[in-house]
Amino acid sequence: MKLNYWGIISAIAAGGIVSMGNSDRASAATITLYDGTSGVTPDLYNPPAYLGFVNIGTGSQTAAGGVTTLNTSSREGTFAGYSNYALTGGLVNNSLPPLILNNNAGYTLSFTVKINSQTNSGVNGPFRAGFSAIVLGNDKKGIEIGFRNTDIFSQNDANFNSIGERATGVGGILGNLTQYDLTVSRDTYTLSSGGNSIVSGFVRDYSAANTVFGNVYNNPNFIFFGDSTTSAGASVDIARITLTTADSTAVPEPSNLLGIGLAMGVGATLKRKLGKIGRKI
């Protein structure tokens, strides 16, 4: 039986070289998208940043005391927040390895936030929140979670005129700096804090939505934190955002990309040398 020694050599070389790759942008399968102790806002964190600042209206962002305060409360018609996509539809930074949110493999988006104040008195206010977290997987299915003063809820469908899963009476955690873990696994999601489930259910397909800002819900591997509606507003403190994937290849380290290239070069060199002496493996 003839073996593909080119593939074997390249794999061995890649294993030796890639294992040496290291970057403070990613560790194993976790990447830090924002750390408030840096003293900067999320769009300026560890440049080039994965997240950009979207602001249509009178939104503001201020970094101080280990958090970024995102404020859209001055006018409910404001749409502002942080995303890995620009409103034009492309990624904020194409120079970075893309974030892959593989629903089948599973991932967890963790974020530490505090709701300082929130209003939802606009036209569709009963179904809106001044601060939301949105994640869409590589299949464009995901979940939008709204955070208000005393309740946390999911958007039920692409019409955004009904509430899905909901937790009430949670003002105690909303009014304090709290870490939330939003885990997606296959066709389900769970929002938890401190290991305690808050809301959970099936992921949704919002791709039929048509918002005033275009259909951002058609973007795969999409992340958004902020005010996604013109019917609500909020002031929130954001301290930290991280992404953890079950598949480490979903969060590639830039140095690993270099390592793979070096590995291929080493494999090619070894192949030539073995070829000269007629060696088969």
Protein backbone atom coordinates (compact mmCIF):
# COMPACT_ATOMS: atom_id res chain seq x y z
CA MET A 1 0.00 0.00 0.00
CA LYS A 2 1.35 3.38 -0.98
CA LEU A 3 1.08 6.09 1.65
CA ASN A 4 0.80 9.81 1.01
CA TYR A 5 4.03 10.70 2.76
CA TRP A 6 3.68 14.35 1.72
CA GLY A 7 0.53 14.63 3.80
CA ILE A 8 2.06 12.75 6.74
CA ILE A 9 5.21 14.85 6.77
CA SER A 10 3.25 18.10 6.50
CA ALA A 11 0.96 17.05 9.33
CA ILE A 12 3.88 16.15 11.59
CA ALA A 13 5.66 19.39 10.77
CA ALA A 14 2.49 21.40 11.30
CA GLY A 15 1.96 19.80 14.67
CA GLY A 16 5.46 20.73 15.78
CA ILE A 17 5.42 24.27 14.48
CA VAL A 18 1.82 25.29 15.10
CA SER A 19 2.04 24.23 18.71
CA MET A 20 4.57 26.99 19.20
CA GLY A 21 2.15 29.64 17.95
CA ASN A 22 1.01 32.08 20.61
CA SER A 23 -0.93 35.31 20.67
CA ASP A 24 -2.65 37.33 23.39
CA ARG A 25 -5.63 37.63 21.04
CA ALA A 26 -6.58 33.98 21.53
CA SER A 27 -5.86 31.26 24.07
CA ALA A 28 -6.92 27.74 23.14
CA ALA A 29 -10.55 28.16 22.09
CA THR A 30 -11.26 31.46 23.85
CA ILE A 31 -10.83 34.94 22.44
CA THR A 32 -11.23 38.19 24.35
CA LEU A 33 -13.21 40.65 22.27
CA TYR A 34 -13.13 43.34 24.96
CA ASP A 35 -11.60 43.93 28.38
CA GLY A 36 -12.60 47.15 30.11
CA THR A 37 -9.40 47.25 32.18
CA SER A 38 -7.68 48.33 28.96
CA GLY A 39 -9.16 51.79 29.45
CA VAL A 40 -10.49 51.97 25.89
CA THR A 41 -13.85 51.34 24.23
CA PRO A 42 -14.54 47.98 22.49
CA ASP A 43 -13.90 49.37 19.00
CA LEU A 44 -10.39 50.39 20.06
CA TYR A 45 -9.51 47.26 22.04
CA ASN A 46 -6.37 45.35 21.04
CA PRO A 47 -6.26 46.83 17.51
CA PRO A 48 -7.12 45.80 14.96
CA ALA A 49 -10.37 45.24 16.85
CA TYR A 50 -12.94 42.60 16.02
CA LEU A 51 -15.79 44.89 17.04
CA GLY A 52 -16.76 48.21 15.51
CA PHE A 53 -18.95 50.97 16.93
CA VAL A 54 -22.24 51.50 15.12
CA ASN A 55 -24.01 54.75 15.92
CA ILE A 56 -27.07 56.11 14.15
CA GLY A 57 -28.54 58.91 16.22
CA THR A 58 -27.28 60.33 19.50
CA GLY A 59 -25.54 57.33 21.05
CA SER A 60 -22.34 57.83 23.02
CA GLN A 61 -19.57 55.66 24.43
CA THR A 62 -17.22 56.49 27.29
CA ALA A 63 -14.44 54.33 28.74
CA ALA A 64 -13.69 54.88 32.43
CA GLY A 65 -13.29 52.86 35.62
CA GLY A 66 -12.84 49.53 33.86
CA VAL A 67 -16.03 49.71 31.80
CA THR A 68 -17.41 51.33 28.68
CA THR A 69 -20.69 53.16 29.22
CA LEU A 70 -22.89 52.92 26.14
CA ASN A 71 -25.69 55.49 26.32
CA THR A 72 -28.64 55.64 23.92
CA SER A 73 -31.14 56.97 26.45
CA SER A 74 -31.24 60.58 25.25
CA ARG A 75 -33.45 59.62 22.31
CA GLU A 76 -35.18 56.29 21.73
CA GLY A 77 -34.74 56.70 17.99
CA THR A 78 -31.03 55.96 18.38
CA PHE A 79 -29.46 52.73 17.15
CA ALA A 80 -25.99 52.10 18.56
CA GLY A 81 -23.73 49.32 19.72
CA TYR A 82 -20.86 47.00 18.87
CA SER A 83 -20.70 44.38 16.14
CA ASN A 84 -18.22 42.41 14.08
CA TYR A 85 -20.18 43.58 11.03
CA ALA A 86 -20.53 47.10 9.64
CA LEU A 87 -23.93 48.41 8.57
CA THR A 88 -22.74 48.09 4.98
CA GLY A 89 -22.81 44.32 5.45
CA GLY A 90 -19.09 43.52 5.47
CA LEU A 91 -16.90 42.53 8.38
CA VAL A 92 -15.47 45.35 10.45
CA ASN A 93 -11.93 44.11 9.97
CA ASN A 94 -11.07 41.77 7.11
CA SER A 95 -7.43 41.59 8.21
CA LEU A 96 -8.34 39.34 11.16
CA PRO A 97 -9.15 35.62 11.05
CA PRO A 98 -12.97 35.45 10.93
CA LEU A 99 -14.96 34.40 13.98
CA ILE A 100 -16.78 31.13 13.28
CA LEU A 101 -19.89 30.50 15.38
CA ASN A 102 -20.53 26.84 14.65
CA ASN A 103 -23.91 25.90 16.11
CA ASN A 104 -23.24 22.18 15.76
CA ALA A 105 -19.91 22.35 17.59
CA GLY A 106 -21.28 24.86 20.10
CA TYR A 107 -20.00 28.15 21.46
CA THR A 108 -20.46 30.52 24.40
CA LEU A 109 -20.49 34.29 24.20
CA SER A 110 -19.80 35.72 27.66
CA PHE A 111 -20.33 39.36 28.53
CA THR A 112 -20.27 41.37 31.74
CA VAL A 113 -22.76 44.23 31.78
CA LYS A 114 -24.84 46.43 34.06
CA ILE A 115 -28.12 48.10 33.08
CA ASN A 116 -27.93 51.61 34.55
CA SER A 117 -31.28 52.67 33.10
CA GLN A 118 -33.65 51.53 30.35
CA THR A 119 -36.77 52.85 28.65
CA ASN A 120 -38.97 51.16 26.07
CA SER A 121 -41.85 53.55 25.48
CA GLY A 122 -41.60 53.71 21.69
CA VAL A 123 -44.12 52.43 19.16
CA ASN A 124 -43.08 48.79 19.62
CA GLY A 125 -41.80 49.31 23.14
CA PRO A 126 -43.54 46.32 24.79
CA PHE A 127 -41.47 44.01 22.60
CA ARG A 128 -38.20 45.93 22.69
CA ALA A 129 -35.24 46.46 25.02
CA GLY A 130 -32.72 49.28 25.23
CA PHE A 131 -29.89 46.75 25.36
CA SER A 132 -29.73 43.48 23.44
CA ALA A 133 -27.22 40.75 22.69
CA ILE A 134 -27.53 39.06 19.29
CA VAL A 135 -25.65 36.00 18.07
CA LEU A 136 -26.17 34.25 14.74
CA GLY A 137 -24.28 31.09 13.87
CA ASN A 138 -22.64 30.06 10.65
CA ASP A 139 -26.08 28.85 9.51
CA LYS A 140 -27.58 32.29 10.32
CA LYS A 141 -29.65 30.80 13.14
CA GLY A 142 -29.27 32.21 16.63
CA ILE A 143 -30.98 34.29 19.28
CA GLU A 144 -31.60 37.90 20.29
CA ILE A 145 -31.82 38.53 24.02
CA GLY A 146 -33.24 41.79 25.39
CA PHE A 147 -32.26 43.26 28.78
CA ARG A 148 -34.54 45.74 30.53
CA ASN A 149 -34.82 47.01 34.11
CA THR A 150 -36.47 43.95 35.64
CA ASP A 151 -36.77 41.31 32.90
CA ILE A 152 -34.73 39.44 30.30
CA PHE A 153 -36.38 37.96 27.22
CA SER A 154 -35.79 36.50 23.78
CA GLN A 155 -37.20 37.82 20.52
CA ASN A 156 -39.73 35.21 19.43
CA ASP A 157 -39.56 35.49 15.64
CA ALA A 158 -38.59 37.63 12.67
CA ASN A 159 -41.63 39.89 13.12
CA PHE A 160 -40.27 41.15 16.46
CA ASN A 161 -43.79 41.74 17.76
CA SER A 162 -43.87 39.02 20.40
CA ILE A 163 -41.73 37.92 23.30
CA GLY A 164 -40.33 34.41 23.50
CA GLU A 165 -38.74 32.98 26.63
CA ARG A 166 -38.73 35.44 29.49
CA ALA A 167 -37.40 35.80 33.02
CA THR A 168 -39.03 38.39 35.29
CA GLY A 169 -38.05 39.76 38.67
CA VAL A 170 -34.34 39.77 37.83
CA GLY A 171 -33.68 43.44 38.53
CA GLY A 172 -31.13 42.45 41.17
CA ILE A 173 -28.67 41.05 38.66
CA LEU A 174 -29.53 43.54 35.92
CA GLY A 175 -28.71 46.48 38.18
CA ASN A 176 -25.26 45.12 39.03
CA LEU A 177 -22.22 44.31 36.94
CA THR A 178 -23.02 40.69 36.04
CA GLN A 179 -21.40 38.13 33.78
CA TYR A 180 -23.84 36.43 31.43
CA ASP A 181 -22.99 33.32 29.42
CA LEU A 182 -24.97 32.83 26.23
CA THR A 183 -24.39 29.26 25.06
CA VAL A 184 -25.57 27.89 21.72
CA SER A 185 -25.43 24.17 21.06
CA ARG A 186 -26.99 22.76 17.89
CA ASP A 187 -30.59 24.04 17.87
CA THR A 188 -30.83 25.30 21.46
CA TYR A 189 -29.56 28.25 23.47
CA THR A 190 -29.16 28.96 27.19
CA LEU A 191 -28.50 32.28 28.90
CA SER A 192 -27.04 31.73 32.34
CA SER A 193 -25.20 33.57 35.09
CA GLY A 194 -23.05 31.96 37.73
CA GLY A 195 -24.09 28.54 36.43
CA ASN A 196 -27.79 29.32 36.88
CA SER A 197 -30.03 29.25 33.81
CA ILE A 198 -32.03 32.44 33.20
CA VAL A 199 -33.78 31.72 29.88
CA SER A 200 -33.38 28.88 27.41
CA GLY A 201 -35.08 27.52 24.32
CA PHE A 202 -34.63 26.90 20.63
CA VAL A 203 -32.55 29.13 18.39
CA ARG A 204 -34.48 31.23 15.87
CA ASP A 205 -34.23 32.03 12.20
CA TYR A 206 -34.62 35.81 11.90
CA SER A 207 -33.44 35.93 8.28
CA ALA A 208 -36.88 37.01 7.01
CA ALA A 209 -36.68 40.22 9.04
CA ASN A 210 -36.54 43.54 7.24
CA THR A 211 -35.40 46.31 9.56
CA VAL A 212 -34.96 49.99 8.79
CA PHE A 213 -31.21 49.37 8.72
CA GLY A 214 -31.38 46.46 6.31
CA ASN A 215 -31.40 42.78 7.09
CA VAL A 216 -28.44 42.31 9.40
CA TYR A 217 -30.06 39.02 10.41
CA ASN A 218 -28.82 37.51 7.16
CA ASN A 219 -25.20 37.78 8.27
CA PRO A 220 -23.57 34.49 9.31
CA ASN A 221 -21.30 34.46 12.40
CA PHE A 222 -22.88 37.72 13.55
CA ILE A 223 -22.40 39.37 16.95
CA PHE A 224 -24.05 42.53 18.27
CA PHE A 225 -24.22 44.23 21.67
CA GLY A 226 -26.21 47.39 22.19
CA ASP A 227 -29.41 49.19 21.27
CA SER A 228 -30.84 47.46 18.20
CA THR A 229 -34.18 49.28 18.12
CA THR A 230 -35.60 52.77 17.66
CA SER A 231 -38.35 52.02 20.21
CA ALA A 232 -36.13 51.81 23.31
CA GLY A 233 -32.99 53.24 24.86
CA ALA A 234 -30.60 52.50 27.69
CA SER A 235 -27.45 53.37 29.54
CA VAL A 236 -25.30 50.29 30.17
CA ASP A 237 -21.83 49.51 31.45
CA ILE A 238 -19.86 46.88 29.54
CA ALA A 239 -16.82 45.39 31.28
CA ARG A 240 -15.84 42.33 29.28
CA ILE A 241 -16.77 40.25 26.20
CA THR A 242 -15.29 36.85 25.33
CA LEU A 243 -16.06 34.09 22.84
CA THR A 244 -15.40 30.44 23.65
CA THR A 245 -15.82 27.75 21.02
CA ALA A 246 -15.92 23.98 21.37
CA ASP A 247 -13.82 23.75 18.21
CA SER A 248 -10.48 25.48 18.71
CA THR A 249 -10.13 25.95 14.95
CA ALA A 250 -13.08 28.36 15.12
CA VAL A 251 -10.86 30.89 16.90
CA PRO A 252 -7.64 30.83 14.87
CA GLU A 253 -4.51 32.45 16.21
CA PRO A 254 -2.74 34.71 13.72
CA SER A 255 0.57 33.03 14.60
CA ASN A 256 -0.91 29.65 13.76
CA LEU A 257 -1.58 30.81 10.21
CA LEU A 258 2.14 31.53 9.93
CA GLY A 259 2.91 28.17 11.50
CA ILE A 260 0.83 26.31 8.93
CA GLY A 261 2.71 28.05 6.11
CA LEU A 262 6.06 27.15 7.66
CA ALA A 263 4.89 23.57 8.15
CA MET A 264 4.03 23.23 4.48
CA GLY A 265 7.46 24.54 3.58
CA VAL A 266 9.16 22.03 5.90
CA GLY A 267 7.03 19.22 4.45
CA ALA A 268 7.99 20.13 0.91
CA THR A 269 11.70 20.21 1.80
CA LEU A 270 11.56 16.81 3.48
CA LYS A 271 9.68 15.37 0.54
CA ARG A 272 12.40 16.48 -1.88
CA LYS A 273 15.14 15.02 0.30
CA LEU A 274 13.40 11.68 0.70
CA GLY A 275 12.69 11.59 -3.01
CA LYS A 276 16.42 11.88 -3.80
CA ILE A 277 17.27 8.78 -1.80
CA GLY A 278 14.29 6.76 -2.99
CA ARG A 279 12.80 6.47 0.49
CA LYS A 280 9.14 5.41 0.77
CA ILE A 281 6.96 5.55 3.86
